């Protein structure tokens, strides 16, 4: 648990460890979005408390003594949603400005290829109102950009489709007219996906989103799972202003056109 907390703090908060109660609240929110079992937030708190004692953190700096965190945990544990198995949460909608910003990341030639690819995936999810499991149920071999600019794909392994289900395959389409600020985001993103898939020898994969190489220049032969996607999505949104700022500087180092 301590290792996961460190990874979360480093990737999503830009810190080595939690520094204030709000950091712990963000962590628990991420756990609930996975979702997690009722005991997991309390286990995280116990891990935090143990590690603070182990490294002899001064009493006045120990987050495990914070009254706000203790009250927050009680509220989470007493939430009515646990009666149905987990706390029910709805995904937060994106602001229109955020959608336009992600389109900008997709078309930016001076942004690392995997950043462009993952922003493109987020936009595809948004356009099709997909769950993350739906995205990973897309057969990449039957995922194409038609001559008229329409992106076409098939969902064949989701909660509502696949072997043994009433509907084995569901088709989806995204029009080239689906854009806010950058009309070519759909085509550019498909080009990035094609280049990365070929360079990583992963054109025949039966899912859509692979994990990135450490340098974000290509794919690894491993599928992104839901907890990974939560961290990656938060990291993308956290770095979005930096990525957009980097677009202003002329020729790109990681150009894929």
C-alpha atoms as a PDB file:
ATOM      1  CA  UNK A   1       0.000   0.000   0.000  1.00  0.00           C
ATOM      2  CA  UNK A   2       2.844   2.380   0.833  1.00  0.00           C
ATOM      3  CA  UNK A   3       4.325   1.885  -2.638  1.00  0.00           C
ATOM      4  CA  UNK A   4       0.999   2.664  -4.319  1.00  0.00           C
ATOM      5  CA  UNK A   5       0.591   5.816  -2.231  1.00  0.00           C
ATOM      6  CA  UNK A   6       4.084   6.951  -3.221  1.00  0.00           C
ATOM      7  CA  UNK A   7       3.348   6.295  -6.905  1.00  0.00           C
ATOM      8  CA  UNK A   8       0.071   8.209  -6.685  1.00  0.00           C
ATOM      9  CA  UNK A   9       1.696  11.178  -4.950  1.00  0.00           C
ATOM     10  CA  UNK A  10       4.593  11.288  -7.420  1.00  0.00           C
ATOM     11  CA  UNK A  11       2.535  10.937 -10.616  1.00  0.00           C
ATOM     12  CA  UNK A  12      -0.601  12.872  -9.752  1.00  0.00           C
ATOM     13  CA  UNK A  13       0.513  15.351  -7.107  1.00  0.00           C
ATOM     14  CA  UNK A  14       4.144  15.933  -8.073  1.00  0.00           C
ATOM     15  CA  UNK A  15       5.276  15.065  -4.552  1.00  0.00           C
ATOM     16  CA  UNK A  16       7.158  12.206  -2.939  1.00  0.00           C
ATOM     17  CA  UNK A  17       4.500  11.816  -0.233  1.00  0.00           C
ATOM     18  CA  UNK A  18       1.339  13.394   1.125  1.00  0.00           C
ATOM     19  CA  UNK A  19       1.944  16.866   2.532  1.00  0.00           C
ATOM     20  CA  UNK A  20      -1.541  17.999   3.528  1.00  0.00           C
ATOM     21  CA  UNK A  21      -4.992  16.488   4.256  1.00  0.00           C
ATOM     22  CA  UNK A  22      -6.189  17.361   0.744  1.00  0.00           C
ATOM     23  CA  UNK A  23      -3.606  14.935  -0.684  1.00  0.00           C
ATOM     24  CA  UNK A  24      -5.118  12.094   1.344  1.00  0.00           C
ATOM     25  CA  UNK A  25      -8.629  13.085   0.249  1.00  0.00           C
ATOM     26  CA  UNK A  26      -7.532  12.892  -3.414  1.00  0.00           C
ATOM     27  CA  UNK A  27      -6.046   9.451  -2.801  1.00  0.00           C
ATOM     28  CA  UNK A  28      -9.240   8.103  -1.244  1.00  0.00           C
ATOM     29  CA  UNK A  29     -11.290   9.594  -4.067  1.00  0.00           C
ATOM     30  CA  UNK A  30      -9.089   7.733  -6.562  1.00  0.00           C
ATOM     31  CA  UNK A  31      -9.622   4.500  -4.608  1.00  0.00           C
ATOM     32  CA  UNK A  32     -13.384   4.943  -4.633  1.00  0.00           C
ATOM     33  CA  UNK A  33     -13.360   5.492  -8.390  1.00  0.00           C
ATOM     34  CA  UNK A  34     -11.664   2.101  -9.007  1.00  0.00           C
ATOM     35  CA  UNK A  35     -13.912   1.065  -7.039  1.00  0.00           C
ATOM     36  CA  UNK A  36     -12.546  -0.443  -3.828  1.00  0.00           C
ATOM     37  CA  UNK A  37     -13.827  -2.370  -0.815  1.00  0.00           C
ATOM     38  CA  UNK A  38     -15.167  -0.591   2.241  1.00  0.00           C
ATOM     39  CA  UNK A  39     -12.084  -1.410   4.310  1.00  0.00           C
ATOM     40  CA  UNK A  40      -9.550   0.020   1.829  1.00  0.00           C
ATOM     41  CA  UNK A  41      -9.715   3.742   2.836  1.00  0.00           C
ATOM     42  CA  UNK A  42      -9.162   2.759   6.477  1.00  0.00           C
ATOM     43  CA  UNK A  43      -6.301   0.448   5.477  1.00  0.00           C
ATOM     44  CA  UNK A  44      -4.716   3.374   3.638  1.00  0.00           C
ATOM     45  CA  UNK A  45      -5.013   5.497   6.760  1.00  0.00           C
ATOM     46  CA  UNK A  46      -3.423   2.753   8.873  1.00  0.00           C
ATOM     47  CA  UNK A  47      -0.557   2.506   6.381  1.00  0.00           C
ATOM     48  CA  UNK A  48      -0.071   6.273   6.552  1.00  0.00           C
ATOM     49  CA  UNK A  49      -0.078   6.151  10.367  1.00  0.00           C
ATOM     50  CA  UNK A  50       2.390   3.247  10.509  1.00  0.00           C
ATOM     51  CA  UNK A  51       4.853   4.874   8.111  1.00  0.00           C
ATOM     52  CA  UNK A  52       4.700   8.223   9.908  1.00  0.00           C
ATOM     53  CA  UNK A  53       5.597   6.458  13.158  1.00  0.00           C
ATOM     54  CA  UNK A  54       8.273   4.350  11.450  1.00  0.00           C
ATOM     55  CA  UNK A  55      10.146   7.394  10.127  1.00  0.00           C
ATOM     56  CA  UNK A  56       9.525   9.298  13.388  1.00  0.00           C
ATOM     57  CA  UNK A  57       7.577  12.155  11.853  1.00  0.00           C
ATOM     58  CA  UNK A  58       7.082  14.909  14.477  1.00  0.00           C
ATOM     59  CA  UNK A  59       3.652  14.768  16.104  1.00  0.00           C
ATOM     60  CA  UNK A  60       2.578  18.163  14.774  1.00  0.00           C
ATOM     61  CA  UNK A  61       3.337  17.061  11.191  1.00  0.00           C
ATOM     62  CA  UNK A  62       1.598  13.684  11.276  1.00  0.00           C
ATOM     63  CA  UNK A  63      -1.393  13.662   8.947  1.00  0.00           C
ATOM     64  CA  UNK A  64      -2.766  10.616  10.773  1.00  0.00           C
ATOM     65  CA  UNK A  65      -3.496  12.928  13.724  1.00  0.00           C
ATOM     66  CA  UNK A  66      -5.438  15.414  11.608  1.00  0.00           C
ATOM     67  CA  UNK A  67      -9.043  15.784  12.773  1.00  0.00           C
ATOM     68  CA  UNK A  68     -10.242  16.520   9.254  1.00  0.00           C
ATOM     69  CA  UNK A  69      -8.886  13.222   7.932  1.00  0.00           C
ATOM     70  CA  UNK A  70     -10.422  11.270  10.804  1.00  0.00           C
ATOM     71  CA  UNK A  71     -13.833  12.880  10.211  1.00  0.00           C
ATOM     72  CA  UNK A  72     -13.493  12.320   6.464  1.00  0.00           C
ATOM     73  CA  UNK A  73     -12.872   8.600   6.994  1.00  0.00           C
ATOM     74  CA  UNK A  74     -15.955   8.305   9.203  1.00  0.00           C
ATOM     75  CA  UNK A  75     -18.097   9.963   6.543  1.00  0.00           C
ATOM     76  CA  UNK A  76     -16.760   7.648   3.842  1.00  0.00           C
ATOM     77  CA  UNK A  77     -17.343   4.524   5.937  1.00  0.00           C
ATOM     78  CA  UNK A  78     -20.862   5.594   6.910  1.00  0.00           C
ATOM     79  CA  UNK A  79     -21.898   6.461   3.339  1.00  0.00           C
ATOM     80  CA  UNK A  80     -25.091   4.692   2.305  1.00  0.00           C
ATOM     81  CA  UNK A  81     -23.581   3.481  -0.959  1.00  0.00           C
ATOM     82  CA  UNK A  82     -21.637   0.759   0.840  1.00  0.00           C
ATOM     83  CA  UNK A  83     -24.903  -1.092   1.443  1.00  0.00           C
ATOM     84  CA  UNK A  84     -24.964  -1.810  -2.287  1.00  0.00           C
ATOM     85  CA  UNK A  85     -21.348  -2.918  -2.290  1.00  0.00           C
ATOM     86  CA  UNK A  86     -19.512   0.355  -2.878  1.00  0.00           C
ATOM     87  CA  UNK A  87     -19.912   4.112  -2.722  1.00  0.00           C
ATOM     88  CA  UNK A  88     -21.709   5.221  -5.859  1.00  0.00           C
ATOM     89  CA  UNK A  89     -19.998   8.022  -7.720  1.00  0.00           C
ATOM     90  CA  UNK A  90     -20.659   9.629 -11.068  1.00  0.00           C
ATOM     91  CA  UNK A  91     -17.827  10.562 -13.381  1.00  0.00           C
ATOM     92  CA  UNK A  92     -17.095  14.288 -13.394  1.00  0.00           C
ATOM     93  CA  UNK A  93     -17.880  15.914 -16.758  1.00  0.00           C
ATOM     94  CA  UNK A  94     -15.092  17.699 -18.620  1.00  0.00           C
ATOM     95  CA  UNK A  95     -15.281  21.423 -19.195  1.00  0.00           C
ATOM     96  CA  UNK A  96     -15.430  22.454 -22.852  1.00  0.00           C
ATOM     97  CA  UNK A  97     -12.068  24.170 -22.389  1.00  0.00           C
ATOM     98  CA  UNK A  98     -10.533  20.898 -21.228  1.00  0.00           C
ATOM     99  CA  UNK A  99     -11.880  19.083 -24.299  1.00  0.00           C
ATOM    100  CA  UNK A 100     -10.403  21.756 -26.574  1.00  0.00           C
ATOM    101  CA  UNK A 101      -7.102  21.508 -24.693  1.00  0.00           C
ATOM    102  CA  UNK A 102      -6.946  17.737 -25.198  1.00  0.00           C
ATOM    103  CA  UNK A 103      -7.597  18.226 -28.906  1.00  0.00           C
ATOM    104  CA  UNK A 104      -4.603  20.569 -28.865  1.00  0.00           C
ATOM    105  CA  UNK A 105      -2.441  17.879 -27.284  1.00  0.00           C
ATOM    106  CA  UNK A 106      -3.444  15.359 -29.961  1.00  0.00           C
ATOM    107  CA  UNK A 107      -2.426  17.652 -32.832  1.00  0.00           C
ATOM    108  CA  UNK A 108       0.746  19.018 -31.177  1.00  0.00           C
ATOM    109  CA  UNK A 109       3.773  17.590 -33.003  1.00  0.00           C
ATOM    110  CA  UNK A 110       6.178  18.652 -30.236  1.00  0.00           C
ATOM    111  CA  UNK A 111       4.405  16.561 -27.580  1.00  0.00           C
ATOM    112  CA  UNK A 112       5.537  13.015 -26.745  1.00  0.00           C
ATOM    113  CA  UNK A 113       3.641  10.469 -28.863  1.00  0.00           C
ATOM    114  CA  UNK A 114       2.018   8.569 -25.989  1.00  0.00           C
ATOM    115  CA  UNK A 115       0.645  11.800 -24.512  1.00  0.00           C
ATOM    116  CA  UNK A 116      -0.954  12.508 -27.886  1.00  0.00           C
ATOM    117  CA  UNK A 117      -2.304   8.957 -28.120  1.00  0.00           C
ATOM    118  CA  UNK A 118      -3.800   8.946 -24.627  1.00  0.00           C
ATOM    119  CA  UNK A 119      -5.441  12.360 -25.067  1.00  0.00           C
ATOM    120  CA  UNK A 120      -6.939  10.950 -28.287  1.00  0.00           C
ATOM    121  CA  UNK A 121      -8.295   7.932 -26.402  1.00  0.00           C
ATOM    122  CA  UNK A 122      -9.900  10.216 -23.811  1.00  0.00           C
ATOM    123  CA  UNK A 123     -11.633  12.140 -26.589  1.00  0.00           C
ATOM    124  CA  UNK A 124     -12.853   8.913 -28.230  1.00  0.00           C
ATOM    125  CA  UNK A 125     -14.331   7.810 -24.904  1.00  0.00           C
ATOM    126  CA  UNK A 126     -16.045  11.172 -24.567  1.00  0.00           C
ATOM    127  CA  UNK A 127     -17.480  11.166 -28.099  1.00  0.00           C
ATOM    128  CA  UNK A 128     -18.889   7.637 -27.729  1.00  0.00           C
ATOM    129  CA  UNK A 129     -19.878   7.874 -24.047  1.00  0.00           C
ATOM    130  CA  UNK A 130     -17.823   4.730 -23.402  1.00  0.00           C
ATOM    131  CA  UNK A 131     -16.773   3.101 -20.159  1.00  0.00           C
ATOM    132  CA  UNK A 132     -13.068   2.309 -19.913  1.00  0.00           C
ATOM    133  CA  UNK A 133     -13.928  -1.398 -20.202  1.00  0.00           C
ATOM    134  CA  UNK A 134     -15.606  -0.580 -23.514  1.00  0.00           C
ATOM    135  CA  UNK A 135     -12.385   0.938 -24.833  1.00  0.00           C
ATOM    136  CA  UNK A 136     -10.434  -2.201 -23.973  1.00  0.00           C
ATOM    137  CA  UNK A 137     -13.136  -4.268 -25.666  1.00  0.00           C
ATOM    138  CA  UNK A 138     -12.294  -2.744 -29.063  1.00  0.00           C
ATOM    139  CA  UNK A 139     -10.630  -5.140 -31.489  1.00  0.00           C
ATOM    140  CA  UNK A 140      -7.747  -3.073 -32.893  1.00  0.00           C
ATOM    141  CA  UNK A 141      -7.712  -5.060 -36.132  1.00  0.00           C
ATOM    142  CA  UNK A 142     -11.284  -3.852 -36.842  1.00  0.00           C
ATOM    143  CA  UNK A 143     -10.597  -0.250 -35.851  1.00  0.00           C
ATOM    144  CA  UNK A 144     -10.135   2.033 -38.856  1.00  0.00           C
ATOM    145  CA  UNK A 145     -10.483   5.510 -40.302  1.00  0.00           C
ATOM    146  CA  UNK A 146     -12.704   5.399 -43.380  1.00  0.00           C
ATOM    147  CA  UNK A 147     -12.084   7.398 -46.547  1.00  0.00           C
ATOM    148  CA  UNK A 148     -14.826   9.848 -45.580  1.00  0.00           C
ATOM    149  CA  UNK A 149     -12.956  10.608 -42.334  1.00  0.00           C
ATOM    150  CA  UNK A 150     -15.292   8.641 -40.048  1.00  0.00           C
ATOM    151  CA  UNK A 151     -13.617   6.559 -37.333  1.00  0.00           C
ATOM    152  CA  UNK A 152     -15.152   3.097 -37.150  1.00  0.00           C
ATOM    153  CA  UNK A 153     -14.743   0.369 -34.556  1.00  0.00           C
ATOM    154  CA  UNK A 154     -16.361  -2.680 -32.988  1.00  0.00           C
ATOM    155  CA  UNK A 155     -16.986  -3.423 -29.315  1.00  0.00           C
ATOM    156  CA  UNK A 156     -16.786  -7.165 -28.892  1.00  0.00           C
ATOM    157  CA  UNK A 157     -15.802  -7.762 -25.263  1.00  0.00           C
ATOM    158  CA  UNK A 158     -17.764  -5.479 -22.923  1.00  0.00           C
ATOM    159  CA  UNK A 159     -20.427  -5.711 -20.234  1.00  0.00           C
ATOM    160  CA  UNK A 160     -23.136  -5.674 -22.898  1.00  0.00           C
ATOM    161  CA  UNK A 161     -21.480  -7.514 -25.791  1.00  0.00           C
ATOM    162  CA  UNK A 162     -19.353 -10.580 -26.490  1.00  0.00           C
ATOM    163  CA  UNK A 163     -19.681 -14.348 -26.474  1.00  0.00           C
ATOM    164  CA  UNK A 164     -22.782 -15.533 -24.705  1.00  0.00           C
ATOM    165  CA  UNK A 165     -24.423 -12.079 -24.780  1.00  0.00           C
ATOM    166  CA  UNK A 166     -27.525 -11.167 -26.742  1.00  0.00           C
ATOM    167  CA  UNK A 167     -25.400  -8.846 -28.898  1.00  0.00           C
ATOM    168  CA  UNK A 168     -21.932 -10.168 -29.718  1.00  0.00           C
ATOM    169  CA  UNK A 169     -20.586  -7.033 -31.440  1.00  0.00           C
ATOM    170  CA  UNK A 170     -21.533  -3.366 -31.235  1.00  0.00           C
ATOM    171  CA  UNK A 171     -20.408  -0.859 -33.855  1.00  0.00           C
ATOM    172  CA  UNK A 172     -19.476   2.732 -33.111  1.00  0.00           C
ATOM    173  CA  UNK A 173     -18.698   5.683 -35.367  1.00  0.00           C
ATOM    174  CA  UNK A 174     -17.159   9.127 -34.788  1.00  0.00           C
ATOM    175  CA  UNK A 175     -17.785  11.835 -37.346  1.00  0.00           C
ATOM    176  CA  UNK A 176     -14.909  14.100 -38.525  1.00  0.00           C
ATOM    177  CA  UNK A 177     -17.273  16.933 -37.604  1.00  0.00           C
ATOM    178  CA  UNK A 178     -16.938  16.084 -33.893  1.00  0.00           C
ATOM    179  CA  UNK A 179     -14.502  18.770 -32.774  1.00  0.00           C
ATOM    180  CA  UNK A 180     -14.354  21.901 -30.627  1.00  0.00           C
ATOM    181  CA  UNK A 181     -11.171  23.773 -31.601  1.00  0.00           C
ATOM    182  CA  UNK A 182      -9.025  21.462 -33.760  1.00  0.00           C
ATOM    183  CA  UNK A 183     -10.908  19.930 -36.692  1.00  0.00           C
ATOM    184  CA  UNK A 184      -8.121  17.428 -37.485  1.00  0.00           C
ATOM    185  CA  UNK A 185      -7.728  15.828 -34.037  1.00  0.00           C
ATOM    186  CA  UNK A 186      -9.453  12.591 -35.075  1.00  0.00           C
ATOM    187  CA  UNK A 187      -7.216  12.035 -38.113  1.00  0.00           C
ATOM    188  CA  UNK A 188      -4.016  13.101 -36.328  1.00  0.00           C
ATOM    189  CA  UNK A 189      -4.718  10.807 -33.396  1.00  0.00           C
ATOM    190  CA  UNK A 190      -5.370   7.859 -35.686  1.00  0.00           C
ATOM    191  CA  UNK A 191      -2.028   8.534 -37.404  1.00  0.00           C
ATOM    192  CA  UNK A 192      -0.225   8.544 -34.042  1.00  0.00           C
ATOM    193  CA  UNK A 193      -1.943   5.291 -33.060  1.00  0.00           C
ATOM    194  CA  UNK A 194      -0.947   3.689 -36.378  1.00  0.00           C
ATOM    195  CA  UNK A 195       2.703   4.752 -36.115  1.00  0.00           C
ATOM    196  CA  UNK A 196       3.064   3.614 -32.498  1.00  0.00           C
ATOM    197  CA  UNK A 197       1.295   0.321 -33.197  1.00  0.00           C
ATOM    198  CA  UNK A 198       3.608  -0.465 -36.128  1.00  0.00           C
ATOM    199  CA  UNK A 199       6.796   0.593 -34.359  1.00  0.00           C
ATOM    200  CA  UNK A 200       5.858  -1.546 -31.343  1.00  0.00           C
ATOM    201  CA  UNK A 201       4.698  -4.514 -33.497  1.00  0.00           C
ATOM    202  CA  UNK A 202       1.253  -4.364 -31.871  1.00  0.00           C
ATOM    203  CA  UNK A 203      -1.067  -3.882 -34.832  1.00  0.00           C
ATOM    204  CA  UNK A 204      -2.851  -7.188 -34.180  1.00  0.00           C
ATOM    205  CA  UNK A 205      -3.689  -6.609 -30.504  1.00  0.00           C
ATOM    206  CA  UNK A 206      -7.258  -7.367 -29.411  1.00  0.00           C
ATOM    207  CA  UNK A 207      -7.592  -4.290 -27.185  1.00  0.00           C
ATOM    208  CA  UNK A 208      -7.102  -0.571 -27.776  1.00  0.00           C
ATOM    209  CA  UNK A 209      -4.922   0.942 -25.032  1.00  0.00           C
ATOM    210  CA  UNK A 210      -1.462  -0.547 -24.274  1.00  0.00           C
ATOM    211  CA  UNK A 211       0.789   0.691 -21.502  1.00  0.00           C
ATOM    212  CA  UNK A 212       3.443   3.236 -22.479  1.00  0.00           C
ATOM    213  CA  UNK A 213       7.187   2.805 -22.638  1.00  0.00           C
ATOM    214  CA  UNK A 214       8.941   4.664 -19.781  1.00  0.00           C
ATOM    215  CA  UNK A 215       9.991   7.451 -22.173  1.00  0.00           C
ATOM    216  CA  UNK A 216       6.423   7.755 -23.567  1.00  0.00           C
ATOM    217  CA  UNK A 217       7.719   7.145 -27.089  1.00  0.00           C
ATOM    218  CA  UNK A 218       5.907   3.871 -27.779  1.00  0.00           C
ATOM    219  CA  UNK A 219       3.774   0.988 -26.504  1.00  0.00           C
ATOM    220  CA  UNK A 220       4.602  -1.883 -24.187  1.00  0.00           C
ATOM    221  CA  UNK A 221       3.003  -5.262 -24.788  1.00  0.00           C
ATOM    222  CA  UNK A 222       0.776  -4.981 -21.764  1.00  0.00           C
ATOM    223  CA  UNK A 223      -2.835  -3.845 -21.502  1.00  0.00           C
ATOM    224  CA  UNK A 224      -3.802  -0.815 -19.409  1.00  0.00           C
ATOM    225  CA  UNK A 225      -6.126  -1.834 -16.554  1.00  0.00           C
ATOM    226  CA  UNK A 226      -8.711   0.400 -14.901  1.00  0.00           C
ATOM    227  CA  UNK A 227      -6.556   1.445 -11.910  1.00  0.00           C
ATOM    228  CA  UNK A 228      -3.733   2.301 -14.353  1.00  0.00           C
ATOM    229  CA  UNK A 229      -6.154   4.346 -16.437  1.00  0.00           C
ATOM    230  CA  UNK A 230      -7.235   6.387 -13.420  1.00  0.00           C
ATOM    231  CA  UNK A 231      -3.655   7.352 -12.637  1.00  0.00           C
ATOM    232  CA  UNK A 232      -2.806   8.026 -16.279  1.00  0.00           C
ATOM    233  CA  UNK A 233      -5.920  10.121 -16.798  1.00  0.00           C
ATOM    234  CA  UNK A 234      -5.209  12.247 -13.753  1.00  0.00           C
ATOM    235  CA  UNK A 235      -1.588  12.637 -14.806  1.00  0.00           C
ATOM    236  CA  UNK A 236      -2.657  13.807 -18.274  1.00  0.00           C
ATOM    237  CA  UNK A 237      -5.033  16.402 -16.834  1.00  0.00           C
ATOM    238  CA  UNK A 238      -2.427  17.545 -14.307  1.00  0.00           C
ATOM    239  CA  UNK A 239       0.200  18.057 -17.018  1.00  0.00           C
ATOM    240  CA  UNK A 240      -2.211  19.501 -19.571  1.00  0.00           C
ATOM    241  CA  UNK A 241      -1.168  23.152 -19.037  1.00  0.00           C
ATOM    242  CA  UNK A 242       2.521  22.179 -19.330  1.00  0.00           C
ATOM    243  CA  UNK A 243       1.888  20.193 -22.501  1.00  0.00           C
ATOM    244  CA  UNK A 244      -0.008  23.084 -24.062  1.00  0.00           C
ATOM    245  CA  UNK A 245       2.726  25.536 -23.067  1.00  0.00           C
ATOM    246  CA  UNK A 246       5.291  23.279 -24.761  1.00  0.00           C
ATOM    247  CA  UNK A 247       3.368  23.522 -28.033  1.00  0.00           C
ATOM    248  CA  UNK A 248       4.373  27.169 -28.464  1.00  0.00           C
ATOM    249  CA  UNK A 249       8.012  26.474 -29.202  1.00  0.00           C
ATOM    250  CA  UNK A 250       8.519  25.873 -32.932  1.00  0.00           C
ATOM    251  CA  UNK A 251       9.687  22.564 -34.396  1.00  0.00           C
ATOM    252  CA  UNK A 252       8.916  19.501 -32.343  1.00  0.00           C
ATOM    253  CA  UNK A 253      11.392  16.877 -31.169  1.00  0.00           C
ATOM    254  CA  UNK A 254       8.895  14.020 -31.392  1.00  0.00           C
ATOM    255  CA  UNK A 255       7.248  14.833 -34.688  1.00  0.00           C
ATOM    256  CA  UNK A 256       4.604  12.491 -36.094  1.00  0.00           C
ATOM    257  CA  UNK A 257       2.547  14.086 -38.848  1.00  0.00           C
END
